[in-house]
Amino acid sequence: MSFDATAADILQEIIVHRRDVRGNRFLSRPLEQEVEDKLLMAALNAPSVGFSQPWEFVLIRDNAVRQQVKDSFMAENEKAQAIIGDDRQGAYAKLKLEGIMETPLNIAVFYRPSDKPVLGQTSMEEAGLYSVVCAVQNMWLMARALNVGIGWVSILDAGKVKQILNAPQENKLVAYLCVGYTDGFYTQPELELLQWEKRKMKQAVVFENNYPEVP
């Protein structure tokens, strides 16, 4: 199958307008089963090292389970705020960094290592983890195409989340996602709008053949 320039332009727009959605932007509107199925289809069709497909997904709707995850976030968020510079304490405190209880669906994404050698992973073991991240990105782009918001919560104790979800010992938590419809998407990433960080320009991160010599 081949695609035309219009399809490429649409994909570019989806990529450019993908956003990490914060908890205060989510709506209570439930997700249709068709939407959930499309998100998972996108994830399951991600590239993976050696076609290992090392991902597993836990769909979390139960409020009691989500509250336990929220408690982990609150504890870790206090630690994070303590190490943020004094000049950013006020701005950090105002950020709504998760939508664990606000969204109709949370998805915990795990890496499950293979019990046998994986083609292409014998030298770079982390390629398995990278494969799972590709699945997350696929899901995120599909969500944006469906006008659904996703927020990636990384301020969590991975060990506690594994325990809460009864995950196998060998599994590694890669992403905890809050998924739901939103009241809108920012024209720029929120942290860019808030001037928390500046966007890196292409010339600062793209090099030809090798890195330049350091004087």
N, C-alpha and C. Protein backbone atom coordinates (compact mmCIF):
# COMPACT_ATOMS: atom_id res chain seq x y z
N MET A 1 0.85 -1.19 0.00
CA MET A 1 0.00 0.00 0.00
C MET A 1 0.88 1.24 0.00
N SER A 2 0.53 2.21 -0.80
CA SER A 2 1.28 3.47 -0.83
C SER A 2 0.34 4.61 -0.46
N PHE A 3 0.93 5.69 0.03
CA PHE A 3 0.15 6.84 0.48
C PHE A 3 0.53 8.06 -0.34
N ASP A 4 -0.37 9.02 -0.42
CA ASP A 4 -0.09 10.23 -1.19
C ASP A 4 0.33 11.36 -0.26
N ALA A 5 0.61 12.51 -0.85
CA ALA A 5 1.09 13.66 -0.09
C ALA A 5 0.06 14.14 0.93
N THR A 6 -1.21 13.97 0.61
CA THR A 6 -2.25 14.39 1.55
C THR A 6 -2.17 13.59 2.85
N ALA A 7 -1.97 12.29 2.73
CA ALA A 7 -1.85 11.45 3.92
C ALA A 7 -0.63 11.86 4.74
N ALA A 8 0.48 12.15 4.06
CA ALA A 8 1.69 12.58 4.77
C ALA A 8 1.46 13.90 5.49
N ASP A 9 0.73 14.81 4.85
CA ASP A 9 0.44 16.10 5.47
C ASP A 9 -0.43 15.93 6.71
N ILE A 10 -1.41 15.04 6.62
CA ILE A 10 -2.29 14.79 7.77
C ILE A 10 -1.49 14.20 8.93
N LEU A 11 -0.61 13.24 8.62
CA LEU A 11 0.21 12.64 9.67
C LEU A 11 1.10 13.70 10.30
N GLN A 12 1.66 14.57 9.49
CA GLN A 12 2.49 15.64 10.04
C GLN A 12 1.69 16.52 10.99
N GLU A 13 0.47 16.85 10.62
CA GLU A 13 -0.37 17.68 11.49
C GLU A 13 -0.67 16.97 12.81
N ILE A 14 -0.93 15.67 12.74
CA ILE A 14 -1.20 14.90 13.96
C ILE A 14 0.02 14.91 14.87
N ILE A 15 1.21 14.71 14.28
CA ILE A 15 2.44 14.71 15.07
C ILE A 15 2.68 16.08 15.71
N VAL A 16 2.53 17.13 14.92
CA VAL A 16 2.81 18.48 15.41
C VAL A 16 1.83 18.89 16.50
N HIS A 17 0.59 18.42 16.41
CA HIS A 17 -0.44 18.85 17.36
C HIS A 17 -0.72 17.84 18.48
N ARG A 18 0.12 16.81 18.57
CA ARG A 18 0.01 15.89 19.71
C ARG A 18 0.38 16.64 20.99
N ARG A 19 -0.35 16.38 22.06
CA ARG A 19 -0.09 17.07 23.32
C ARG A 19 -0.18 16.10 24.50
N ASP A 20 0.57 16.40 25.54
CA ASP A 20 0.41 15.73 26.83
C ASP A 20 -0.68 16.50 27.57
N VAL A 21 -1.78 15.85 27.88
CA VAL A 21 -2.95 16.53 28.45
C VAL A 21 -2.93 16.42 29.97
N ARG A 22 -3.10 17.53 30.64
CA ARG A 22 -3.11 17.59 32.10
C ARG A 22 -4.51 17.28 32.65
N GLY A 23 -4.55 16.97 33.93
CA GLY A 23 -5.79 16.53 34.56
C GLY A 23 -6.92 17.53 34.51
N ASN A 24 -6.59 18.84 34.51
CA ASN A 24 -7.66 19.84 34.52
C ASN A 24 -8.27 20.09 33.15
N ARG A 25 -7.82 19.36 32.13
CA ARG A 25 -8.35 19.54 30.78
C ARG A 25 -9.27 18.40 30.35
N PHE A 26 -9.37 17.35 31.17
CA PHE A 26 -10.15 16.18 30.78
C PHE A 26 -11.64 16.38 31.07
N LEU A 27 -12.46 15.73 30.25
CA LEU A 27 -13.91 15.72 30.42
C LEU A 27 -14.34 14.38 31.01
N SER A 28 -15.53 14.33 31.60
CA SER A 28 -16.05 13.09 32.19
C SER A 28 -16.67 12.17 31.14
N ARG A 29 -16.77 12.62 29.92
CA ARG A 29 -17.37 11.83 28.83
C ARG A 29 -16.66 10.48 28.68
N PRO A 30 -17.40 9.38 28.69
CA PRO A 30 -16.77 8.06 28.57
C PRO A 30 -16.21 7.82 27.17
N LEU A 31 -15.25 6.94 27.09
CA LEU A 31 -14.69 6.55 25.80
C LEU A 31 -15.52 5.43 25.18
N GLU A 32 -15.79 5.53 23.90
CA GLU A 32 -16.49 4.46 23.21
C GLU A 32 -15.58 3.25 23.06
N GLN A 33 -16.17 2.07 23.01
CA GLN A 33 -15.38 0.85 22.86
C GLN A 33 -14.57 0.88 21.57
N GLU A 34 -15.15 1.44 20.53
CA GLU A 34 -14.44 1.53 19.25
C GLU A 34 -13.17 2.36 19.38
N VAL A 35 -13.24 3.42 20.17
CA VAL A 35 -12.06 4.26 20.39
C VAL A 35 -10.98 3.50 21.14
N GLU A 36 -11.37 2.82 22.21
CA GLU A 36 -10.40 2.01 22.96
C GLU A 36 -9.75 0.97 22.06
N ASP A 37 -10.55 0.33 21.23
CA ASP A 37 -10.03 -0.70 20.33
C ASP A 37 -9.02 -0.11 19.34
N LYS A 38 -9.28 1.09 18.85
CA LYS A 38 -8.36 1.70 17.90
C LYS A 38 -7.05 2.09 18.59
N LEU A 39 -7.12 2.55 19.83
CA LEU A 39 -5.90 2.89 20.56
C LEU A 39 -5.03 1.65 20.77
N LEU A 40 -5.66 0.56 21.15
CA LEU A 40 -4.91 -0.68 21.38
C LEU A 40 -4.39 -1.26 20.07
N MET A 41 -5.18 -1.13 19.01
CA MET A 41 -4.72 -1.59 17.70
C MET A 41 -3.46 -0.85 17.29
N ALA A 42 -3.44 0.45 17.52
CA ALA A 42 -2.27 1.24 17.18
C ALA A 42 -1.05 0.78 17.98
N ALA A 43 -1.25 0.53 19.26
CA ALA A 43 -0.14 0.07 20.10
C ALA A 43 0.37 -1.29 19.66
N LEU A 44 -0.53 -2.19 19.35
CA LEU A 44 -0.15 -3.56 19.00
C LEU A 44 0.52 -3.65 17.63
N ASN A 45 0.41 -2.59 16.85
CA ASN A 45 1.06 -2.56 15.54
C ASN A 45 2.34 -1.72 15.53
N ALA A 46 2.87 -1.44 16.70
CA ALA A 46 4.13 -0.71 16.79
C ALA A 46 5.29 -1.61 16.39
N PRO A 47 6.41 -1.02 15.96
CA PRO A 47 7.60 -1.82 15.68
C PRO A 47 8.18 -2.36 16.98
N SER A 48 8.78 -3.54 16.91
CA SER A 48 9.43 -4.10 18.10
C SER A 48 10.66 -4.89 17.68
N VAL A 49 11.67 -4.85 18.52
CA VAL A 49 12.92 -5.53 18.21
C VAL A 49 12.66 -7.03 18.06
N GLY A 50 13.14 -7.60 16.95
CA GLY A 50 12.97 -9.03 16.72
C GLY A 50 11.53 -9.49 16.68
N PHE A 51 10.60 -8.56 16.38
CA PHE A 51 9.16 -8.84 16.41
C PHE A 51 8.76 -9.50 17.73
N SER A 52 9.40 -9.04 18.80
CA SER A 52 9.18 -9.65 20.12
C SER A 52 7.88 -9.20 20.77
N GLN A 53 7.38 -8.01 20.38
CA GLN A 53 6.12 -7.49 20.93
C GLN A 53 6.10 -7.62 22.45
N PRO A 54 7.05 -6.99 23.13
CA PRO A 54 7.24 -7.24 24.57
C PRO A 54 6.36 -6.40 25.49
N TRP A 55 5.22 -6.00 24.99
CA TRP A 55 4.35 -5.10 25.75
C TRP A 55 3.15 -5.82 26.36
N GLU A 56 2.72 -5.32 27.48
CA GLU A 56 1.45 -5.75 28.11
C GLU A 56 0.76 -4.52 28.65
N PHE A 57 -0.57 -4.52 28.61
CA PHE A 57 -1.36 -3.35 28.96
C PHE A 57 -2.39 -3.72 30.02
N VAL A 58 -2.48 -2.91 31.05
CA VAL A 58 -3.50 -3.09 32.08
C VAL A 58 -4.46 -1.92 31.97
N LEU A 59 -5.72 -2.20 31.65
CA LEU A 59 -6.76 -1.17 31.54
C LEU A 59 -7.40 -1.00 32.91
N ILE A 60 -7.33 0.21 33.44
CA ILE A 60 -7.75 0.45 34.83
C ILE A 60 -8.93 1.41 34.85
N ARG A 61 -10.06 0.90 35.33
CA ARG A 61 -11.27 1.71 35.43
C ARG A 61 -11.72 1.84 36.90
N ASP A 62 -11.34 0.90 37.73
CA ASP A 62 -11.78 0.85 39.12
C ASP A 62 -11.23 2.03 39.91
N ASN A 63 -12.11 2.79 40.55
CA ASN A 63 -11.69 3.98 41.28
C ASN A 63 -10.81 3.66 42.48
N ALA A 64 -11.05 2.53 43.12
CA ALA A 64 -10.25 2.17 44.29
C ALA A 64 -8.81 1.89 43.88
N VAL A 65 -8.63 1.21 42.74
CA VAL A 65 -7.29 0.95 42.24
C VAL A 65 -6.62 2.25 41.84
N ARG A 66 -7.35 3.09 41.13
CA ARG A 66 -6.78 4.36 40.68
C ARG A 66 -6.42 5.26 41.86
N GLN A 67 -7.20 5.20 42.93
CA GLN A 67 -6.89 6.02 44.09
C GLN A 67 -5.56 5.60 44.72
N GLN A 68 -5.28 4.31 44.71
CA GLN A 68 -3.99 3.85 45.22
C GLN A 68 -2.84 4.39 44.36
N VAL A 69 -3.04 4.40 43.06
CA VAL A 69 -2.02 4.96 42.16
C VAL A 69 -1.89 6.46 42.41
N LYS A 70 -3.02 7.14 42.61
CA LYS A 70 -3.01 8.58 42.89
C LYS A 70 -2.24 8.86 44.18
N ASP A 71 -2.40 8.01 45.18
CA ASP A 71 -1.66 8.18 46.43
C ASP A 71 -0.16 8.10 46.20
N SER A 72 0.25 7.18 45.31
CA SER A 72 1.67 7.07 44.97
C SER A 72 2.14 8.35 44.28
N PHE A 73 1.32 8.87 43.39
CA PHE A 73 1.68 10.12 42.72
C PHE A 73 1.86 11.25 43.73
N MET A 74 0.93 11.37 44.66
CA MET A 74 0.99 12.47 45.63
C MET A 74 2.27 12.40 46.46
N ALA A 75 2.63 11.19 46.88
CA ALA A 75 3.85 11.02 47.67
C ALA A 75 5.09 11.38 46.86
N GLU A 76 5.14 10.91 45.61
CA GLU A 76 6.30 11.18 44.76
C GLU A 76 6.33 12.64 44.32
N ASN A 77 5.17 13.25 44.18
CA ASN A 77 5.11 14.64 43.76
C ASN A 77 5.67 15.56 44.85
N GLU A 78 5.44 15.20 46.09
CA GLU A 78 6.01 15.98 47.19
C GLU A 78 7.54 15.93 47.15
N LYS A 79 8.07 14.74 46.85
CA LYS A 79 9.53 14.60 46.73
C LYS A 79 10.06 15.43 45.57
N ALA A 80 9.33 15.39 44.45
CA ALA A 80 9.76 16.13 43.26
C ALA A 80 9.75 17.63 43.52
N GLN A 81 8.71 18.10 44.19
CA GLN A 81 8.60 19.54 44.45
C GLN A 81 9.73 20.01 45.34
N ALA A 82 10.18 19.14 46.23
CA ALA A 82 11.24 19.51 47.17
C ALA A 82 12.57 19.76 46.48
N ILE A 83 12.79 19.15 45.31
CA ILE A 83 14.08 19.32 44.65
C ILE A 83 14.01 20.30 43.48
N ILE A 84 12.83 20.86 43.23
CA ILE A 84 12.71 21.90 42.21
C ILE A 84 13.31 23.18 42.76
N GLY A 85 13.99 23.93 41.93
CA GLY A 85 14.62 25.17 42.38
C GLY A 85 13.62 26.14 43.00
N ASP A 86 14.10 26.94 43.94
CA ASP A 86 13.24 27.89 44.65
C ASP A 86 12.50 28.82 43.71
N ASP A 87 13.14 29.18 42.59
CA ASP A 87 12.52 30.11 41.66
C ASP A 87 11.35 29.50 40.89
N ARG A 88 11.20 28.17 41.00
CA ARG A 88 10.13 27.50 40.27
C ARG A 88 9.11 26.83 41.18
N GLN A 89 9.28 26.96 42.47
CA GLN A 89 8.39 26.29 43.41
C GLN A 89 6.94 26.69 43.20
N GLY A 90 6.69 27.99 43.05
CA GLY A 90 5.32 28.47 42.88
C GLY A 90 4.70 27.96 41.60
N ALA A 91 5.47 28.01 40.51
CA ALA A 91 4.95 27.56 39.22
C ALA A 91 4.69 26.06 39.24
N TYR A 92 5.57 25.31 39.88
CA TYR A 92 5.40 23.85 39.95
C TYR A 92 4.13 23.50 40.71
N ALA A 93 3.90 24.19 41.82
CA ALA A 93 2.74 23.89 42.66
C ALA A 93 1.42 24.10 41.92
N LYS A 94 1.42 24.98 40.91
CA LYS A 94 0.20 25.28 40.17
C LYS A 94 -0.08 24.27 39.06
N LEU A 95 0.91 23.47 38.70
CA LEU A 95 0.74 22.52 37.60
C LEU A 95 -0.14 21.35 38.03
N LYS A 96 -1.13 21.02 37.21
CA LYS A 96 -1.94 19.82 37.44
C LYS A 96 -1.33 18.73 36.58
N LEU A 97 -0.48 17.91 37.18
CA LEU A 97 0.39 17.03 36.42
C LEU A 97 -0.21 15.67 36.08
N GLU A 98 -1.42 15.40 36.52
CA GLU A 98 -2.00 14.09 36.21
C GLU A 98 -3.52 14.18 36.18
N GLY A 99 -4.13 13.15 35.57
CA GLY A 99 -5.58 13.07 35.52
C GLY A 99 -6.05 11.68 35.90
N ILE A 100 -5.41 11.13 36.92
CA ILE A 100 -5.66 9.73 37.29
C ILE A 100 -7.12 9.48 37.63
N MET A 101 -7.72 10.38 38.40
CA MET A 101 -9.12 10.19 38.80
C MET A 101 -10.10 10.87 37.85
N GLU A 102 -9.61 11.81 37.04
CA GLU A 102 -10.50 12.58 36.17
C GLU A 102 -10.85 11.86 34.88
N THR A 103 -10.02 10.94 34.45
CA THR A 103 -10.23 10.28 33.17
C THR A 103 -11.04 8.99 33.33
N PRO A 104 -11.76 8.59 32.29
CA PRO A 104 -12.53 7.34 32.37
C PRO A 104 -11.66 6.10 32.29
N LEU A 105 -10.42 6.27 31.80
CA LEU A 105 -9.55 5.11 31.60
C LEU A 105 -8.11 5.45 31.91
N ASN A 106 -7.45 4.61 32.69
CA ASN A 106 -6.00 4.64 32.86
C ASN A 106 -5.43 3.39 32.21
N ILE A 107 -4.27 3.52 31.60
CA ILE A 107 -3.60 2.38 31.00
C ILE A 107 -2.18 2.30 31.52
N ALA A 108 -1.85 1.20 32.18
CA ALA A 108 -0.48 0.95 32.60
C ALA A 108 0.18 0.09 31.53
N VAL A 109 1.32 0.55 31.03
CA VAL A 109 2.00 -0.13 29.94
C VAL A 109 3.29 -0.75 30.49
N PHE A 110 3.42 -2.06 30.31
CA PHE A 110 4.56 -2.79 30.87
C PHE A 110 5.43 -3.39 29.78
N TYR A 111 6.70 -3.50 30.11
CA TYR A 111 7.65 -4.28 29.30
C TYR A 111 7.80 -5.64 29.96
N ARG A 112 7.54 -6.69 29.18
CA ARG A 112 7.72 -8.06 29.68
C ARG A 112 8.90 -8.69 28.92
N PRO A 113 10.04 -8.86 29.57
CA PRO A 113 11.21 -9.40 28.88
C PRO A 113 10.99 -10.84 28.44
N SER A 114 11.63 -11.20 27.33
CA SER A 114 11.52 -12.55 26.81
C SER A 114 12.39 -13.50 27.63
N ASP A 115 11.97 -14.76 27.70
CA ASP A 115 12.75 -15.76 28.42
C ASP A 115 13.74 -16.46 27.49
N LYS A 116 13.90 -15.92 26.25
CA LYS A 116 14.84 -16.49 25.30
C LYS A 116 15.50 -15.34 24.53
N PRO A 117 16.65 -15.58 23.89
CA PRO A 117 17.30 -14.51 23.13
C PRO A 117 16.38 -13.94 22.06
N VAL A 118 16.44 -12.61 21.89
CA VAL A 118 15.59 -11.92 20.92
C VAL A 118 16.48 -11.37 19.81
N LEU A 119 16.12 -11.65 18.58
CA LEU A 119 16.87 -11.15 17.44
C LEU A 119 16.99 -9.63 17.51
N GLY A 120 18.23 -9.13 17.47
CA GLY A 120 18.44 -7.69 17.50
C GLY A 120 18.57 -7.10 18.88
N GLN A 121 18.35 -7.91 19.92
CA GLN A 121 18.40 -7.39 21.29
C GLN A 121 19.59 -7.95 22.06
N THR A 122 20.42 -8.75 21.42
CA THR A 122 21.52 -9.41 22.13
C THR A 122 22.62 -8.44 22.53
N SER A 123 22.76 -7.33 21.81
CA SER A 123 23.79 -6.34 22.15
C SER A 123 23.23 -5.16 22.92
N MET A 124 22.00 -4.77 22.59
CA MET A 124 21.37 -3.63 23.26
C MET A 124 20.09 -4.12 23.93
N GLU A 125 20.22 -4.52 25.17
CA GLU A 125 19.08 -5.08 25.90
C GLU A 125 17.94 -4.08 26.00
N GLU A 126 18.29 -2.80 26.07
CA GLU A 126 17.27 -1.77 26.24
C GLU A 126 16.37 -1.62 25.02
N ALA A 127 16.71 -2.27 23.90
CA ALA A 127 15.86 -2.18 22.71
C ALA A 127 14.46 -2.71 22.98
N GLY A 128 14.32 -3.62 23.92
CA GLY A 128 13.00 -4.11 24.29
C GLY A 128 12.15 -3.02 24.91
N LEU A 129 12.76 -2.24 25.80
CA LEU A 129 12.06 -1.11 26.41
C LEU A 129 11.69 -0.07 25.36
N TYR A 130 12.62 0.18 24.43
CA TYR A 130 12.34 1.15 23.38
C TYR A 130 11.15 0.71 22.53
N SER A 131 11.01 -0.59 22.34
CA SER A 131 9.88 -1.11 21.57
C SER A 131 8.56 -0.75 22.24
N VAL A 132 8.53 -0.86 23.56
CA VAL A 132 7.31 -0.53 24.30
C VAL A 132 7.01 0.96 24.19
N VAL A 133 8.04 1.78 24.20
CA VAL A 133 7.84 3.22 24.04
C VAL A 133 7.26 3.52 22.65
N CYS A 134 7.69 2.76 21.64
CA CYS A 134 7.09 2.92 20.30
C CYS A 134 5.59 2.64 20.34
N ALA A 135 5.20 1.64 21.12
CA ALA A 135 3.77 1.31 21.24
C ALA A 135 3.01 2.47 21.90
N VAL A 136 3.63 3.08 22.90
CA VAL A 136 3.01 4.23 23.56
C VAL A 136 2.84 5.38 22.57
N GLN A 137 3.88 5.64 21.79
CA GLN A 137 3.80 6.73 20.81
C GLN A 137 2.73 6.46 19.77
N ASN A 138 2.64 5.23 19.29
CA ASN A 138 1.58 4.88 18.34
C ASN A 138 0.20 5.18 18.93
N MET A 139 0.01 4.78 20.17
CA MET A 139 -1.26 5.00 20.85
C MET A 139 -1.55 6.49 20.98
N TRP A 140 -0.52 7.24 21.31
CA TRP A 140 -0.66 8.69 21.51
C TRP A 140 -1.07 9.38 20.22
N LEU A 141 -0.46 8.98 19.11
CA LEU A 141 -0.79 9.60 17.83
C LEU A 141 -2.20 9.22 17.38
N MET A 142 -2.58 7.97 17.59
CA MET A 142 -3.94 7.57 17.26
C MET A 142 -4.95 8.33 18.11
N ALA A 143 -4.64 8.50 19.39
CA ALA A 143 -5.53 9.25 20.27
C ALA A 143 -5.73 10.67 19.74
N ARG A 144 -4.63 11.30 19.34
CA ARG A 144 -4.74 12.67 18.84
C ARG A 144 -5.59 12.72 17.57
N ALA A 145 -5.43 11.71 16.70
CA ALA A 145 -6.22 11.66 15.48
C ALA A 145 -7.71 11.50 15.79
N LEU A 146 -8.02 10.90 16.95
CA LEU A 146 -9.40 10.70 17.37
C LEU A 146 -9.88 11.82 18.30
N ASN A 147 -9.03 12.86 18.46
CA ASN A 147 -9.33 13.98 19.36
C ASN A 147 -9.54 13.53 20.80
N VAL A 148 -8.76 12.54 21.19
CA VAL A 148 -8.74 12.03 22.56
C VAL A 148 -7.42 12.44 23.20
N GLY A 149 -7.49 12.82 24.47
CA GLY A 149 -6.30 13.25 25.17
C GLY A 149 -5.62 12.11 25.92
N ILE A 150 -4.29 12.18 25.98
CA ILE A 150 -3.51 11.25 26.80
C ILE A 150 -2.53 12.06 27.63
N GLY A 151 -2.43 11.72 28.90
CA GLY A 151 -1.43 12.31 29.78
C GLY A 151 -0.55 11.20 30.33
N TRP A 152 0.76 11.34 30.19
CA TRP A 152 1.73 10.34 30.66
C TRP A 152 2.19 10.75 32.05
N VAL A 153 1.87 9.94 33.05
CA VAL A 153 2.25 10.23 34.43
C VAL A 153 3.55 9.49 34.76
N SER A 154 4.61 10.23 34.95
CA SER A 154 5.89 9.61 35.28
C SER A 154 6.32 9.85 36.71
N ILE A 155 5.55 10.64 37.44
CA ILE A 155 5.87 10.90 38.85
C ILE A 155 5.15 9.85 39.69
N LEU A 156 5.69 8.64 39.66
CA LEU A 156 5.11 7.49 40.35
C LEU A 156 6.22 6.59 40.86
N ASP A 157 5.94 5.85 41.91
CA ASP A 157 6.83 4.79 42.37
C ASP A 157 6.48 3.54 41.58
N ALA A 158 7.34 3.18 40.63
CA ALA A 158 7.02 2.06 39.73
C ALA A 158 6.80 0.77 40.50
N GLY A 159 7.59 0.55 41.56
CA GLY A 159 7.44 -0.65 42.36
C GLY A 159 6.08 -0.72 43.03
N LYS A 160 5.61 0.39 43.55
CA LYS A 160 4.30 0.42 44.20
C LYS A 160 3.17 0.19 43.20
N VAL A 161 3.33 0.78 42.01
CA VAL A 161 2.30 0.59 40.99
C VAL A 161 2.25 -0.87 40.56
N LYS A 162 3.41 -1.49 40.41
CA LYS A 162 3.45 -2.92 40.08
C LYS A 162 2.72 -3.73 41.14
N GLN A 163 2.95 -3.39 42.40
CA GLN A 163 2.30 -4.11 43.50
C GLN A 163 0.79 -3.90 43.48
N ILE A 164 0.36 -2.66 43.27
CA ILE A 164 -1.07 -2.34 43.21
C ILE A 164 -1.76 -3.14 42.11
N LEU A 165 -1.08 -3.28 40.98
CA LEU A 165 -1.67 -3.93 39.81
C LEU A 165 -1.35 -5.42 39.74
N ASN A 166 -0.67 -5.93 40.77
CA ASN A 166 -0.33 -7.35 40.83
C ASN A 166 0.47 -7.79 39.60
N ALA A 167 1.39 -6.92 39.15
CA ALA A 167 2.18 -7.21 37.96
C ALA A 167 3.23 -8.27 38.26
N PRO A 168 3.56 -9.12 37.30
CA PRO A 168 4.63 -10.10 37.48
C PRO A 168 5.95 -9.42 37.85
N GLN A 169 6.76 -10.09 38.63
CA GLN A 169 8.00 -9.52 39.13
C GLN A 169 8.91 -9.06 38.00
N GLU A 170 8.95 -9.85 36.92
CA GLU A 170 9.87 -9.53 35.83
C GLU A 170 9.41 -8.36 34.96
N ASN A 171 8.16 -7.98 35.07
CA ASN A 171 7.66 -6.87 34.27
C ASN A 171 8.21 -5.53 34.75
N LYS A 172 8.36 -4.60 33.81
CA LYS A 172 8.84 -3.26 34.13
C LYS A 172 7.80 -2.25 33.67
N LEU A 173 7.39 -1.37 34.58
CA LEU A 173 6.44 -0.32 34.21
C LEU A 173 7.14 0.70 33.31
N VAL A 174 6.60 0.91 32.13
CA VAL A 174 7.18 1.87 31.20
C VAL A 174 6.37 3.17 31.19
N ALA A 175 5.06 3.06 31.21
CA ALA A 175 4.22 4.26 31.14
C ALA A 175 2.92 4.05 31.89
N TYR A 176 2.45 5.13 32.51
CA TYR A 176 1.12 5.14 33.12
C TYR A 176 0.36 6.27 32.45
N LEU A 177 -0.70 5.92 31.71
CA LEU A 177 -1.39 6.87 30.85
C LEU A 177 -2.80 7.16 31.35
N CYS A 178 -3.17 8.43 31.35
CA CYS A 178 -4.53 8.85 31.65
C CYS A 178 -5.18 9.20 30.31
N VAL A 179 -6.31 8.57 30.02
CA VAL A 179 -6.90 8.65 28.68
C VAL A 179 -8.35 9.13 28.76
N GLY A 180 -8.68 10.15 27.98
CA GLY A 180 -10.06 10.63 27.97
C GLY A 180 -10.23 11.80 27.02
N TYR A 181 -11.47 12.16 26.77
CA TYR A 181 -11.75 13.34 25.95
C TYR A 181 -11.35 14.59 26.73
N THR A 182 -11.03 15.63 25.98
CA THR A 182 -10.54 16.86 26.58
C THR A 182 -11.35 18.06 26.10
N ASP A 183 -11.26 19.15 26.84
CA ASP A 183 -11.96 20.36 26.42
C ASP A 183 -11.20 21.13 25.35
N GLY A 184 -10.05 20.62 24.95
CA GLY A 184 -9.29 21.26 23.88
C GLY A 184 -7.81 20.95 24.00
N PHE A 185 -7.09 21.21 22.92
CA PHE A 185 -5.66 20.98 22.89
C PHE A 185 -4.94 22.31 22.72
N TYR A 186 -3.91 22.53 23.49
CA TYR A 186 -3.13 23.76 23.35
C TYR A 186 -2.47 23.83 21.98
N THR A 187 -2.26 25.05 21.48
CA THR A 187 -1.58 25.23 20.21
C THR A 187 -0.09 24.90 20.32
N GLN A 188 0.45 24.96 21.53
CA GLN A 188 1.83 24.59 21.81
C GLN A 188 1.83 23.71 23.06
N PRO A 189 2.90 22.94 23.28
CA PRO A 189 2.98 22.20 24.54
C PRO A 189 2.81 23.14 25.73
N GLU A 190 2.08 22.70 26.74
CA GLU A 190 1.76 23.57 27.87
C GLU A 190 3.01 24.11 28.54
N LEU A 191 4.02 23.26 28.73
CA LEU A 191 5.23 23.72 29.41
C LEU A 191 6.02 24.72 28.56
N GLU A 192 5.82 24.68 27.25
CA GLU A 192 6.42 25.70 26.40
C GLU A 192 5.67 27.02 26.56
N LEU A 193 4.35 26.94 26.61
CA LEU A 193 3.54 28.15 26.81
C LEU A 193 3.85 28.81 28.15
N LEU A 194 4.10 27.97 29.16
CA LEU A 194 4.40 28.49 30.50
C LEU A 194 5.86 28.89 30.65
N GLN A 195 6.62 28.73 29.57
CA GLN A 195 8.05 29.05 29.54
C GLN A 195 8.84 28.26 30.58
N TRP A 196 8.36 27.02 30.83
CA TRP A 196 9.09 26.13 31.73
C TRP A 196 10.38 25.67 31.05
N GLU A 197 10.26 25.37 29.76
CA GLU A 197 11.42 25.03 28.94
C GLU A 197 11.23 25.66 27.56
N LYS A 198 12.34 25.84 26.84
CA LYS A 198 12.29 26.36 25.49
C LYS A 198 12.44 25.20 24.50
N ARG A 199 11.81 25.34 23.34
CA ARG A 199 11.92 24.31 22.31
C ARG A 199 13.34 24.32 21.73
N LYS A 200 13.90 23.13 21.57
CA LYS A 200 15.23 23.01 20.97
C LYS A 200 15.09 23.09 19.45
N MET A 201 15.94 23.88 18.83
CA MET A 201 15.92 24.04 17.38
C MET A 201 16.67 22.88 16.71
N LYS A 202 16.29 22.59 15.46
CA LYS A 202 16.88 21.47 14.74
C LYS A 202 18.39 21.55 14.67
N GLN A 203 18.92 22.75 14.43
CA GLN A 203 20.36 22.89 14.27
C GLN A 203 21.13 22.61 15.56
N ALA A 204 20.41 22.60 16.69
CA ALA A 204 21.08 22.34 17.97
C ALA A 204 21.17 20.85 18.28
N VAL A 205 20.42 20.02 17.56
CA VAL A 205 20.37 18.59 17.92
C VAL A 205 20.62 17.65 16.75
N VAL A 206 20.79 18.18 15.54
CA VAL A 206 21.01 17.34 14.36
C VAL A 206 22.42 17.58 13.83
N PHE A 207 23.18 16.51 13.66
CA PHE A 207 24.57 16.62 13.21
C PHE A 207 24.79 15.73 11.99
N GLU A 208 25.79 16.05 11.18
CA GLU A 208 26.13 15.28 9.99
C GLU A 208 27.33 14.38 10.29
N ASN A 209 27.17 13.10 10.09
CA ASN A 209 28.25 12.10 10.18
C ASN A 209 28.78 11.85 11.59
N ASN A 210 29.03 12.89 12.36
CA ASN A 210 29.50 12.71 13.73
C ASN A 210 29.27 14.00 14.51
N TYR A 211 29.54 13.93 15.80
CA TYR A 211 29.47 15.14 16.62
C TYR A 211 30.65 16.05 16.31
N PRO A 212 30.47 17.34 16.37
CA PRO A 212 31.60 18.25 16.12
C PRO A 212 32.65 18.14 17.22
N GLU A 213 33.88 18.47 16.87
CA GLU A 213 34.95 18.47 17.85
C GLU A 213 34.67 19.51 18.93
N VAL A 214 34.94 19.14 20.17
CA VAL A 214 34.79 20.07 21.27
C VAL A 214 36.09 20.87 21.43
N PRO A 215 36.02 22.20 21.38
CA PRO A 215 37.24 23.00 21.50
C PRO A 215 37.98 22.73 22.82
